[in-house]
């Protein structure tokens, strides 16, 4: 997060925690258990 309501937060650059979360998120895309598109996931009947 670098802005809230159009106002810059801190120095306007993503911080170390944001970068760690971003890297972890994209790393999951290499794991087949998390790599399927949402459209490929079936919804159980009745839901």
N, C-alpha and C. Protein backbone atom coordinates (compact mmCIF):
# COMPACT_ATOMS: atom_id res chain seq x y z
N UNK A 1 0.85 -1.16 0.00
CA UNK A 1 0.00 0.00 0.00
C UNK A 1 0.90 1.23 0.00
N UNK A 2 0.64 2.12 -0.90
CA UNK A 2 1.43 3.34 -0.97
C UNK A 2 0.57 4.60 -0.85
N UNK A 3 -0.77 4.44 -0.99
CA UNK A 3 -1.68 5.59 -0.88
C UNK A 3 -2.99 5.17 -0.20
N UNK A 4 -3.56 6.09 0.54
CA UNK A 4 -4.88 5.92 1.14
C UNK A 4 -5.66 7.19 0.81
N UNK A 5 -6.84 7.00 0.20
CA UNK A 5 -7.67 8.13 -0.20
C UNK A 5 -6.88 9.15 -1.01
N UNK A 6 -5.98 8.65 -1.86
CA UNK A 6 -5.20 9.52 -2.72
C UNK A 6 -4.00 10.17 -2.06
N UNK A 7 -3.84 9.97 -0.76
CA UNK A 7 -2.71 10.57 -0.04
C UNK A 7 -1.58 9.56 0.10
N UNK A 8 -0.37 10.02 -0.13
CA UNK A 8 0.80 9.17 -0.03
C UNK A 8 1.01 8.72 1.42
N UNK A 9 1.36 7.46 1.58
CA UNK A 9 1.68 6.89 2.89
C UNK A 9 3.19 6.75 2.96
N UNK A 10 3.77 7.24 4.03
CA UNK A 10 5.23 7.15 4.18
C UNK A 10 5.94 7.82 3.04
N UNK A 11 6.91 7.10 2.46
CA UNK A 11 7.67 7.69 1.35
C UNK A 11 7.04 7.37 0.00
N UNK A 12 5.87 6.71 0.00
CA UNK A 12 5.17 6.41 -1.24
C UNK A 12 5.64 5.13 -1.93
N UNK A 13 6.56 4.43 -1.31
CA UNK A 13 7.07 3.18 -1.88
C UNK A 13 6.61 2.02 -1.00
N UNK A 14 6.40 0.83 -1.60
CA UNK A 14 6.04 -0.33 -0.78
C UNK A 14 7.15 -0.64 0.23
N UNK A 15 6.74 -0.98 1.44
CA UNK A 15 7.70 -1.31 2.49
C UNK A 15 8.12 -2.77 2.44
N UNK A 16 8.99 -3.17 3.36
CA UNK A 16 9.51 -4.54 3.36
C UNK A 16 8.42 -5.59 3.58
N UNK A 17 7.45 -5.32 4.45
CA UNK A 17 6.40 -6.30 4.69
C UNK A 17 5.53 -6.47 3.44
N UNK A 18 5.16 -5.37 2.80
CA UNK A 18 4.38 -5.45 1.56
C UNK A 18 5.13 -6.24 0.51
N UNK A 19 6.41 -6.04 0.40
CA UNK A 19 7.20 -6.76 -0.60
C UNK A 19 7.26 -8.25 -0.27
N UNK A 20 7.36 -8.60 1.01
CA UNK A 20 7.36 -10.02 1.40
C UNK A 20 6.03 -10.68 1.07
N UNK A 21 4.92 -9.99 1.35
CA UNK A 21 3.60 -10.53 1.04
C UNK A 21 3.45 -10.70 -0.46
N UNK A 22 3.86 -9.71 -1.23
CA UNK A 22 3.78 -9.77 -2.69
C UNK A 22 4.59 -10.95 -3.24
N UNK A 23 5.80 -11.13 -2.74
CA UNK A 23 6.66 -12.23 -3.21
C UNK A 23 6.04 -13.58 -2.84
N UNK A 24 5.49 -13.70 -1.64
CA UNK A 24 4.87 -14.96 -1.21
C UNK A 24 3.64 -15.26 -2.07
N UNK A 25 2.84 -14.24 -2.36
CA UNK A 25 1.65 -14.41 -3.21
C UNK A 25 2.05 -14.96 -4.58
N UNK A 26 3.01 -14.33 -5.22
CA UNK A 26 3.40 -14.77 -6.56
C UNK A 26 4.12 -16.11 -6.54
N UNK A 27 4.82 -16.43 -5.45
CA UNK A 27 5.48 -17.73 -5.35
C UNK A 27 4.46 -18.86 -5.35
N UNK A 28 3.28 -18.63 -4.79
CA UNK A 28 2.25 -19.66 -4.78
C UNK A 28 1.79 -20.02 -6.20
N UNK A 29 1.93 -19.14 -7.13
CA UNK A 29 1.51 -19.43 -8.50
C UNK A 29 2.37 -20.53 -9.14
N UNK A 30 3.54 -20.78 -8.59
CA UNK A 30 4.39 -21.87 -9.09
C UNK A 30 3.99 -23.22 -8.48
N UNK A 31 3.16 -23.20 -7.44
CA UNK A 31 2.70 -24.41 -6.78
C UNK A 31 1.41 -24.88 -7.45
N UNK A 32 1.40 -26.07 -8.06
CA UNK A 32 0.21 -26.54 -8.76
C UNK A 32 -1.06 -26.55 -7.90
N UNK A 33 -0.93 -26.68 -6.61
CA UNK A 33 -2.10 -26.69 -5.73
C UNK A 33 -2.81 -25.34 -5.71
N UNK A 34 -2.09 -24.28 -6.08
CA UNK A 34 -2.66 -22.93 -6.05
C UNK A 34 -2.67 -22.25 -7.41
N UNK A 35 -2.30 -22.97 -8.45
CA UNK A 35 -2.10 -22.34 -9.76
C UNK A 35 -3.32 -22.37 -10.67
N UNK A 36 -4.41 -23.03 -10.25
CA UNK A 36 -5.58 -23.10 -11.13
C UNK A 36 -6.33 -21.77 -11.14
N UNK A 37 -6.88 -21.44 -12.28
CA UNK A 37 -7.71 -20.25 -12.39
C UNK A 37 -8.99 -20.46 -11.61
N UNK A 38 -9.57 -19.40 -11.10
CA UNK A 38 -10.80 -19.50 -10.33
C UNK A 38 -11.90 -20.16 -11.14
N UNK A 39 -11.96 -19.88 -12.42
CA UNK A 39 -13.00 -20.44 -13.27
C UNK A 39 -12.88 -21.96 -13.36
N UNK A 40 -11.72 -22.54 -13.05
CA UNK A 40 -11.52 -23.99 -13.12
C UNK A 40 -11.97 -24.71 -11.85
N UNK A 41 -12.30 -23.99 -10.81
CA UNK A 41 -12.67 -24.61 -9.55
C UNK A 41 -14.18 -24.85 -9.54
N UNK A 42 -14.56 -26.09 -9.33
CA UNK A 42 -15.98 -26.46 -9.33
C UNK A 42 -16.64 -26.04 -8.02
N UNK A 43 -17.90 -25.68 -8.10
CA UNK A 43 -18.71 -25.37 -6.93
C UNK A 43 -19.56 -26.58 -6.62
N UNK A 44 -19.54 -27.07 -5.39
CA UNK A 44 -20.35 -28.24 -5.04
C UNK A 44 -21.83 -27.97 -5.33
N UNK A 45 -22.56 -29.01 -5.70
CA UNK A 45 -23.98 -28.89 -5.99
C UNK A 45 -24.72 -28.34 -4.78
N UNK A 46 -25.66 -27.45 -5.01
CA UNK A 46 -26.46 -26.89 -3.95
C UNK A 46 -25.86 -25.67 -3.28
N UNK A 47 -24.73 -25.22 -3.78
CA UNK A 47 -24.10 -24.02 -3.18
C UNK A 47 -24.14 -22.87 -4.12
